[in-house]
Every structure is written in structure tokens, then in C-alpha cells.
Amino acid sequence: MKFLYVDVENRKIVSLFKTGNGEILKLSLEQVEDQKKKHVLLCSYSAIAEFDDALDAMGQYKRDKPWWKFWI
């Protein structure tokens, strides 16, 4: 699986992945964490790196605050 980018769908953050046969998957934060756990057991290090990138991008999107909320 190849991590593409993070998107917002129905007011939820999803990450988009492209599979080996060209399918595009939209995974929520919980689904990405579950897939990462599964690939840790399978020792698929390239997939784990892709899931880490997705989790980092999803976390960064949630962490950044709008400039007008600087006092919170």
C-alpha cells in the first residue's frame, strides 16, 4: 500500500492509500491504526512506514490550530 494524502470526508479526517492493484482506499484514523498493528505482526516494514506517514499527517492536521485561535 502506498500513502497518498490526507483528506476530509463527511467532517472526518481520512487518509487515502493506493493498493498494488490500483484501488484507492479511504481509511479513518482507527482503521489506519488497526492496519498498522496487523502489519507489525506480519513484519511488513514498508507498509508500517506508510502507515506511520499517514498517522503523522493525520495528527499534524488535527494539531494545527487556526491563526485566530492563538489564545487557546
N, C-alpha and C. Protein backbone atom coordinates (compact mmCIF):
# COMPACT_ATOMS: atom_id res chain seq x y z
N MET A 1 0.83 -1.18 0.00
CA MET A 1 0.00 0.00 0.00
C MET A 1 0.88 1.24 0.00
N LYS A 2 0.44 2.24 -0.72
CA LYS A 2 1.17 3.50 -0.84
C LYS A 2 0.29 4.62 -0.30
N PHE A 3 0.80 5.37 0.68
CA PHE A 3 0.08 6.50 1.24
C PHE A 3 0.10 7.64 0.24
N LEU A 4 -1.09 8.21 -0.05
CA LEU A 4 -1.19 9.31 -1.00
C LEU A 4 -1.31 10.65 -0.29
N TYR A 5 -2.40 10.87 0.43
CA TYR A 5 -2.60 12.13 1.12
C TYR A 5 -3.73 12.01 2.13
N VAL A 6 -3.93 13.08 2.89
CA VAL A 6 -4.99 13.16 3.89
C VAL A 6 -6.10 14.04 3.34
N ASP A 7 -7.34 13.64 3.58
CA ASP A 7 -8.48 14.38 3.07
C ASP A 7 -9.55 14.44 4.16
N VAL A 8 -10.55 15.28 3.96
CA VAL A 8 -11.68 15.38 4.88
C VAL A 8 -12.92 14.90 4.14
N GLU A 9 -13.60 13.93 4.72
CA GLU A 9 -14.82 13.40 4.12
C GLU A 9 -15.88 13.28 5.20
N ASN A 10 -17.01 13.90 4.98
CA ASN A 10 -18.11 13.92 5.96
C ASN A 10 -17.64 14.40 7.33
N ARG A 11 -16.87 15.45 7.30
CA ARG A 11 -16.32 16.09 8.51
C ARG A 11 -15.43 15.16 9.33
N LYS A 12 -14.83 14.17 8.70
CA LYS A 12 -13.87 13.27 9.34
C LYS A 12 -12.60 13.25 8.52
N ILE A 13 -11.49 13.11 9.21
CA ILE A 13 -10.19 13.03 8.54
C ILE A 13 -9.97 11.60 8.07
N VAL A 14 -9.65 11.44 6.81
CA VAL A 14 -9.35 10.12 6.25
C VAL A 14 -8.02 10.21 5.50
N SER A 15 -7.35 9.09 5.43
CA SER A 15 -6.12 9.02 4.64
C SER A 15 -6.39 8.13 3.43
N LEU A 16 -5.83 8.51 2.30
CA LEU A 16 -6.04 7.76 1.07
C LEU A 16 -4.80 6.94 0.75
N PHE A 17 -5.02 5.67 0.45
CA PHE A 17 -3.96 4.74 0.11
C PHE A 17 -4.26 4.13 -1.24
N LYS A 18 -3.20 3.82 -1.98
CA LYS A 18 -3.33 3.12 -3.25
C LYS A 18 -2.76 1.72 -3.08
N THR A 19 -3.57 0.71 -3.41
CA THR A 19 -3.12 -0.68 -3.26
C THR A 19 -2.31 -1.09 -4.48
N GLY A 20 -1.77 -2.28 -4.41
CA GLY A 20 -0.96 -2.80 -5.50
C GLY A 20 -1.72 -2.99 -6.80
N ASN A 21 -3.03 -3.27 -6.72
CA ASN A 21 -3.81 -3.44 -7.94
C ASN A 21 -4.55 -2.17 -8.34
N GLY A 22 -4.16 -1.02 -7.81
CA GLY A 22 -4.69 0.26 -8.26
C GLY A 22 -5.93 0.76 -7.55
N GLU A 23 -6.43 0.05 -6.56
CA GLU A 23 -7.60 0.51 -5.82
C GLU A 23 -7.21 1.65 -4.88
N ILE A 24 -8.13 2.57 -4.68
CA ILE A 24 -7.94 3.66 -3.74
C ILE A 24 -8.77 3.37 -2.49
N LEU A 25 -8.12 3.32 -1.34
CA LEU A 25 -8.80 3.06 -0.07
C LEU A 25 -8.81 4.32 0.77
N LYS A 26 -9.95 4.60 1.40
CA LYS A 26 -10.07 5.72 2.35
C LYS A 26 -10.18 5.11 3.74
N LEU A 27 -9.19 5.37 4.57
CA LEU A 27 -9.15 4.80 5.91
C LEU A 27 -9.21 5.88 6.96
N SER A 28 -10.01 5.65 8.00
CA SER A 28 -10.08 6.58 9.12
C SER A 28 -8.86 6.37 10.03
N LEU A 29 -8.76 7.19 11.03
CA LEU A 29 -7.63 7.10 11.96
C LEU A 29 -7.60 5.74 12.64
N GLU A 30 -8.75 5.24 13.08
CA GLU A 30 -8.82 3.95 13.75
C GLU A 30 -8.44 2.81 12.80
N GLN A 31 -8.90 2.91 11.56
CA GLN A 31 -8.58 1.87 10.59
C GLN A 31 -7.10 1.84 10.26
N VAL A 32 -6.47 3.02 10.19
CA VAL A 32 -5.03 3.07 9.92
C VAL A 32 -4.26 2.45 11.08
N GLU A 33 -4.67 2.75 12.31
CA GLU A 33 -4.01 2.15 13.47
C GLU A 33 -4.17 0.64 13.49
N ASP A 34 -5.37 0.14 13.15
CA ASP A 34 -5.59 -1.31 13.10
C ASP A 34 -4.74 -1.97 12.01
N GLN A 35 -4.66 -1.35 10.84
CA GLN A 35 -3.84 -1.90 9.76
C GLN A 35 -2.36 -1.91 10.14
N LYS A 36 -1.93 -0.87 10.85
CA LYS A 36 -0.53 -0.83 11.27
C LYS A 36 -0.23 -1.98 12.23
N LYS A 37 -1.15 -2.24 13.17
CA LYS A 37 -0.96 -3.34 14.11
C LYS A 37 -0.88 -4.68 13.38
N LYS A 38 -1.72 -4.85 12.36
CA LYS A 38 -1.72 -6.09 11.59
C LYS A 38 -0.39 -6.26 10.85
N HIS A 39 0.13 -5.18 10.26
CA HIS A 39 1.37 -5.29 9.50
C HIS A 39 2.60 -5.40 10.40
N VAL A 40 2.48 -4.95 11.65
CA VAL A 40 3.58 -5.18 12.60
C VAL A 40 3.71 -6.67 12.86
N LEU A 41 2.58 -7.36 13.02
CA LEU A 41 2.62 -8.81 13.22
C LEU A 41 3.16 -9.54 12.00
N LEU A 42 2.90 -8.99 10.80
CA LEU A 42 3.37 -9.60 9.57
C LEU A 42 4.80 -9.20 9.21
N CYS A 43 5.37 -8.26 9.97
CA CYS A 43 6.73 -7.74 9.74
C CYS A 43 6.87 -7.12 8.35
N SER A 44 5.87 -6.41 7.91
CA SER A 44 5.89 -5.71 6.63
C SER A 44 6.36 -4.27 6.87
N TYR A 45 7.68 -4.08 6.84
CA TYR A 45 8.26 -2.80 7.25
C TYR A 45 7.95 -1.66 6.30
N SER A 46 7.81 -1.93 5.02
CA SER A 46 7.47 -0.85 4.09
C SER A 46 6.04 -0.36 4.33
N ALA A 47 5.12 -1.27 4.63
CA ALA A 47 3.75 -0.87 4.92
C ALA A 47 3.67 -0.12 6.25
N ILE A 48 4.46 -0.54 7.22
CA ILE A 48 4.48 0.15 8.52
C ILE A 48 4.95 1.59 8.34
N ALA A 49 5.94 1.81 7.49
CA ALA A 49 6.43 3.17 7.24
C ALA A 49 5.35 4.02 6.58
N GLU A 50 4.58 3.44 5.66
CA GLU A 50 3.50 4.18 5.02
C GLU A 50 2.41 4.55 6.03
N PHE A 51 2.07 3.62 6.92
CA PHE A 51 1.06 3.90 7.94
C PHE A 51 1.57 4.95 8.93
N ASP A 52 2.86 4.91 9.27
CA ASP A 52 3.43 5.94 10.14
C ASP A 52 3.33 7.32 9.49
N ASP A 53 3.61 7.39 8.19
CA ASP A 53 3.49 8.66 7.47
C ASP A 53 2.05 9.16 7.51
N ALA A 54 1.10 8.26 7.32
CA ALA A 54 -0.31 8.65 7.33
C ALA A 54 -0.73 9.12 8.72
N LEU A 55 -0.31 8.40 9.76
CA LEU A 55 -0.66 8.80 11.11
C LEU A 55 -0.05 10.15 11.47
N ASP A 56 1.18 10.37 11.02
CA ASP A 56 1.83 11.65 11.27
C ASP A 56 1.09 12.77 10.56
N ALA A 57 0.70 12.55 9.32
CA ALA A 57 -0.02 13.58 8.57
C ALA A 57 -1.41 13.85 9.16
N MET A 58 -2.07 12.80 9.61
CA MET A 58 -3.39 12.97 10.21
C MET A 58 -3.29 13.68 11.56
N GLY A 59 -2.27 13.37 12.32
CA GLY A 59 -2.07 14.04 13.60
C GLY A 59 -1.70 15.49 13.43
N GLN A 60 -0.90 15.79 12.42
CA GLN A 60 -0.49 17.16 12.16
C GLN A 60 -1.70 18.00 11.76
N TYR A 61 -2.60 17.41 11.00
CA TYR A 61 -3.79 18.14 10.58
C TYR A 61 -4.65 18.50 11.79
N LYS A 62 -4.75 17.60 12.76
CA LYS A 62 -5.56 17.85 13.95
C LYS A 62 -4.85 18.80 14.92
N ARG A 63 -3.52 18.78 14.96
CA ARG A 63 -2.77 19.59 15.91
C ARG A 63 -2.75 21.07 15.55
N ASP A 64 -2.68 21.38 14.28
CA ASP A 64 -2.58 22.77 13.86
C ASP A 64 -3.87 23.51 14.14
N LYS A 65 -3.74 24.66 14.82
CA LYS A 65 -4.91 25.46 15.12
C LYS A 65 -4.99 26.62 14.14
N PRO A 66 -6.18 27.08 13.85
CA PRO A 66 -6.31 28.26 13.00
C PRO A 66 -5.65 29.47 13.66
N TRP A 67 -5.20 30.40 12.86
CA TRP A 67 -4.46 31.55 13.39
C TRP A 67 -5.31 32.39 14.32
N TRP A 68 -6.65 32.37 14.18
CA TRP A 68 -7.48 33.22 15.03
C TRP A 68 -7.74 32.61 16.39
N LYS A 69 -7.27 31.39 16.61
CA LYS A 69 -7.41 30.75 17.93
C LYS A 69 -6.06 30.68 18.64
N PHE A 70 -5.27 31.71 18.50
CA PHE A 70 -3.92 31.68 19.07
C PHE A 70 -3.91 31.73 20.59
N TRP A 71 -4.97 32.17 21.23
CA TRP A 71 -5.00 32.30 22.68
C TRP A 71 -5.41 30.99 23.38
N ILE A 72 -5.87 30.02 22.63
CA ILE A 72 -6.32 28.74 23.24
C ILE A 72 -5.17 27.77 23.30
